[in-house]
Amino acid sequence: MREFPPNINPQLFTLSASIVGYSIVPYFDADELNSIGNWLMSVGQYLETVAVQATLINNRYKRQEDRQINFEEQKERDEFEVLQEVVYRLQKEIEQLKTIFQSK
């Protein structure tokens, strides 16, 4: 299993990015730093877009699965209620038949 980014404190992780940025500043002029920064932001936007789209799709599937589970649970409850009604009617019919046969 991949362990990058590492499981470290969020503030420390952010600080490491600041340290890397600070350490490369002396080696480039303003135009080069602007270009590198824009390129890194473009990479970040790409990564963010891919991640959010994957999250969106996963959440939609999860909601659909949850709705399917709820539908199946409701269907089972409805079937149970129908069976209860059938049992009640059969019991009533049996009682009526008993009454008829006892009176004869």
C-alpha atoms as a PDB file:
ATOM      1  CA  MET A   1       0.000   0.000   0.000  1.00  0.00           C
ATOM      2  CA  ARG A   2       1.265   3.464  -0.846  1.00  0.00           C
ATOM      3  CA  GLU A   3       2.082   5.750   2.038  1.00  0.00           C
ATOM      4  CA  PHE A   4       2.431   9.079   0.247  1.00  0.00           C
ATOM      5  CA  PRO A   5       1.640  11.603   1.351  1.00  0.00           C
ATOM      6  CA  PRO A   6       2.833  10.331   4.709  1.00  0.00           C
ATOM      7  CA  ASN A   7       0.605  10.277   7.766  1.00  0.00           C
ATOM      8  CA  ILE A   8       2.107  13.306   9.465  1.00  0.00           C
ATOM      9  CA  ASN A   9       0.681  16.282  11.298  1.00  0.00           C
ATOM     10  CA  PRO A  10      -1.103  18.624   8.798  1.00  0.00           C
ATOM     11  CA  GLN A  11       0.735  21.686  10.079  1.00  0.00           C
ATOM     12  CA  LEU A  12       4.090  19.926   9.700  1.00  0.00           C
ATOM     13  CA  PHE A  13       3.141  18.794   6.206  1.00  0.00           C
ATOM     14  CA  THR A  14       2.262  22.384   5.249  1.00  0.00           C
ATOM     15  CA  LEU A  15       5.458  23.649   6.866  1.00  0.00           C
ATOM     16  CA  SER A  16       7.507  21.228   4.747  1.00  0.00           C
ATOM     17  CA  ALA A  17       6.009  22.790   1.578  1.00  0.00           C
ATOM     18  CA  SER A  18       6.941  26.245   2.877  1.00  0.00           C
ATOM     19  CA  ILE A  19      10.500  25.100   3.588  1.00  0.00           C
ATOM     20  CA  VAL A  20      10.869  23.641   0.083  1.00  0.00           C
ATOM     21  CA  GLY A  21       9.512  26.856  -1.454  1.00  0.00           C
ATOM     22  CA  TYR A  22      11.746  29.031   0.694  1.00  0.00           C
ATOM     23  CA  SER A  23      14.824  26.938  -0.125  1.00  0.00           C
ATOM     24  CA  ILE A  24      14.458  27.270  -3.930  1.00  0.00           C
ATOM     25  CA  VAL A  25      13.764  31.036  -4.013  1.00  0.00           C
ATOM     26  CA  PRO A  26      17.454  32.102  -4.112  1.00  0.00           C
ATOM     27  CA  TYR A  27      18.130  30.039  -7.236  1.00  0.00           C
ATOM     28  CA  PHE A  28      15.543  31.616  -9.566  1.00  0.00           C
ATOM     29  CA  ASP A  29      14.546  35.126 -10.606  1.00  0.00           C
ATOM     30  CA  ALA A  30      10.972  36.482 -10.256  1.00  0.00           C
ATOM     31  CA  ASP A  31       9.841  35.389 -13.737  1.00  0.00           C
ATOM     32  CA  GLU A  32      11.182  31.871 -13.251  1.00  0.00           C
ATOM     33  CA  LEU A  33       9.588  31.616  -9.802  1.00  0.00           C
ATOM     34  CA  ASN A  34       6.275  32.814 -11.261  1.00  0.00           C
ATOM     35  CA  SER A  35       6.470  30.218 -14.019  1.00  0.00           C
ATOM     36  CA  ILE A  36       7.388  27.393 -11.633  1.00  0.00           C
ATOM     37  CA  GLY A  37       4.652  28.467  -9.194  1.00  0.00           C
ATOM     38  CA  ASN A  38       2.026  28.561 -11.930  1.00  0.00           C
ATOM     39  CA  TRP A  39       3.129  25.158 -13.166  1.00  0.00           C
ATOM     40  CA  LEU A  40       2.885  23.680  -9.645  1.00  0.00           C
ATOM     41  CA  MET A  41      -0.553  25.256  -9.179  1.00  0.00           C
ATOM     42  CA  SER A  42      -1.642  23.716 -12.495  1.00  0.00           C
ATOM     43  CA  VAL A  43      -0.494  20.295 -11.304  1.00  0.00           C
ATOM     44  CA  GLY A  44      -2.359  20.883  -8.033  1.00  0.00           C
ATOM     45  CA  GLN A  45      -5.553  21.877  -9.863  1.00  0.00           C
ATOM     46  CA  TYR A  46      -5.332  18.742 -11.992  1.00  0.00           C
ATOM     47  CA  LEU A  47      -4.877  16.534  -8.920  1.00  0.00           C
ATOM     48  CA  GLU A  48      -7.723  18.297  -7.116  1.00  0.00           C
ATOM     49  CA  THR A  49     -10.066  17.918 -10.103  1.00  0.00           C
ATOM     50  CA  VAL A  50      -9.348  14.197 -10.441  1.00  0.00           C
ATOM     51  CA  ALA A  51      -9.817  13.625  -6.698  1.00  0.00           C
ATOM     52  CA  VAL A  52     -13.074  15.564  -6.438  1.00  0.00           C
ATOM     53  CA  GLN A  53     -14.540  13.810  -9.498  1.00  0.00           C
ATOM     54  CA  ALA A  54     -13.653  10.411  -8.038  1.00  0.00           C
ATOM     55  CA  THR A  55     -15.250  11.434  -4.730  1.00  0.00           C
ATOM     56  CA  LEU A  56     -18.380  12.647  -6.526  1.00  0.00           C
ATOM     57  CA  ILE A  57     -18.784   9.366  -8.413  1.00  0.00           C
ATOM     58  CA  ASN A  58     -18.136   7.258  -5.294  1.00  0.00           C
ATOM     59  CA  ASN A  59     -20.680   9.265  -3.291  1.00  0.00           C
ATOM     60  CA  ARG A  60     -23.290   8.865  -6.025  1.00  0.00           C
ATOM     61  CA  TYR A  61     -22.802   5.086  -6.049  1.00  0.00           C
ATOM     62  CA  LYS A  62     -22.997   5.018  -2.249  1.00  0.00           C
ATOM     63  CA  ARG A  63     -26.232   7.039  -2.218  1.00  0.00           C
ATOM     64  CA  GLN A  64     -27.690   4.763  -4.891  1.00  0.00           C
ATOM     65  CA  GLU A  65     -26.718   1.668  -2.877  1.00  0.00           C
ATOM     66  CA  ASP A  66     -28.259   3.213   0.249  1.00  0.00           C
ATOM     67  CA  ARG A  67     -31.488   3.947  -1.637  1.00  0.00           C
ATOM     68  CA  GLN A  68     -31.509   0.369  -2.966  1.00  0.00           C
ATOM     69  CA  ILE A  69     -31.065  -1.002   0.568  1.00  0.00           C
ATOM     70  CA  ASN A  70     -33.881   1.237   1.868  1.00  0.00           C
ATOM     71  CA  PHE A  71     -36.121   0.133  -1.023  1.00  0.00           C
ATOM     72  CA  GLU A  72     -35.432  -3.542  -0.280  1.00  0.00           C
ATOM     73  CA  GLU A  73     -36.081  -3.029   3.446  1.00  0.00           C
ATOM     74  CA  GLN A  74     -39.392  -1.297   2.667  1.00  0.00           C
ATOM     75  CA  LYS A  75     -40.312  -4.083   0.251  1.00  0.00           C
ATOM     76  CA  GLU A  76     -39.631  -6.685   2.951  1.00  0.00           C
ATOM     77  CA  ARG A  77     -41.746  -4.714   5.457  1.00  0.00           C
ATOM     78  CA  ASP A  78     -44.577  -4.474   2.918  1.00  0.00           C
ATOM     79  CA  GLU A  79     -44.392  -8.205   2.222  1.00  0.00           C
ATOM     80  CA  PHE A  80     -44.420  -8.926   5.961  1.00  0.00           C
ATOM     81  CA  GLU A  81     -47.491  -6.739   6.448  1.00  0.00           C
ATOM     82  CA  VAL A  82     -49.268  -8.538   3.589  1.00  0.00           C
ATOM     83  CA  LEU A  83     -48.408 -11.896   5.151  1.00  0.00           C
ATOM     84  CA  GLN A  84     -49.698 -10.692   8.515  1.00  0.00           C
ATOM     85  CA  GLU A  85     -52.956  -9.680   6.876  1.00  0.00           C
ATOM     86  CA  VAL A  86     -53.248 -13.076   5.154  1.00  0.00           C
ATOM     87  CA  VAL A  87     -52.629 -14.872   8.462  1.00  0.00           C
ATOM     88  CA  TYR A  88     -55.249 -12.695  10.174  1.00  0.00           C
ATOM     89  CA  ARG A  89     -57.824 -13.441   7.478  1.00  0.00           C
ATOM     90  CA  LEU A  90     -57.067 -17.165   7.595  1.00  0.00           C
ATOM     91  CA  GLN A  91     -57.481 -17.179  11.367  1.00  0.00           C
ATOM     92  CA  LYS A  92     -60.786 -15.377  10.995  1.00  0.00           C
ATOM     93  CA  GLU A  93     -61.938 -17.888   8.377  1.00  0.00           C
ATOM     94  CA  ILE A  94     -60.903 -20.802  10.594  1.00  0.00           C
ATOM     95  CA  GLU A  95     -62.905 -19.334  13.471  1.00  0.00           C
ATOM     96  CA  GLN A  96     -65.952 -18.982  11.223  1.00  0.00           C
ATOM     97  CA  LEU A  97     -65.594 -22.578  10.037  1.00  0.00           C
ATOM     98  CA  LYS A  98     -65.273 -23.779  13.632  1.00  0.00           C
ATOM     99  CA  THR A  99     -68.431 -21.937  14.513  1.00  0.00           C
ATOM    100  CA  ILE A 100     -70.275 -23.457  11.555  1.00  0.00           C
ATOM    101  CA  PHE A 101     -69.132 -27.004  12.340  1.00  0.00           C
ATOM    102  CA  GLN A 102     -69.829 -26.660  16.054  1.00  0.00           C
ATOM    103  CA  SER A 103     -73.394 -25.526  15.395  1.00  0.00           C
ATOM    104  CA  LYS A 104     -74.147 -28.652  13.345  1.00  0.00           C
END
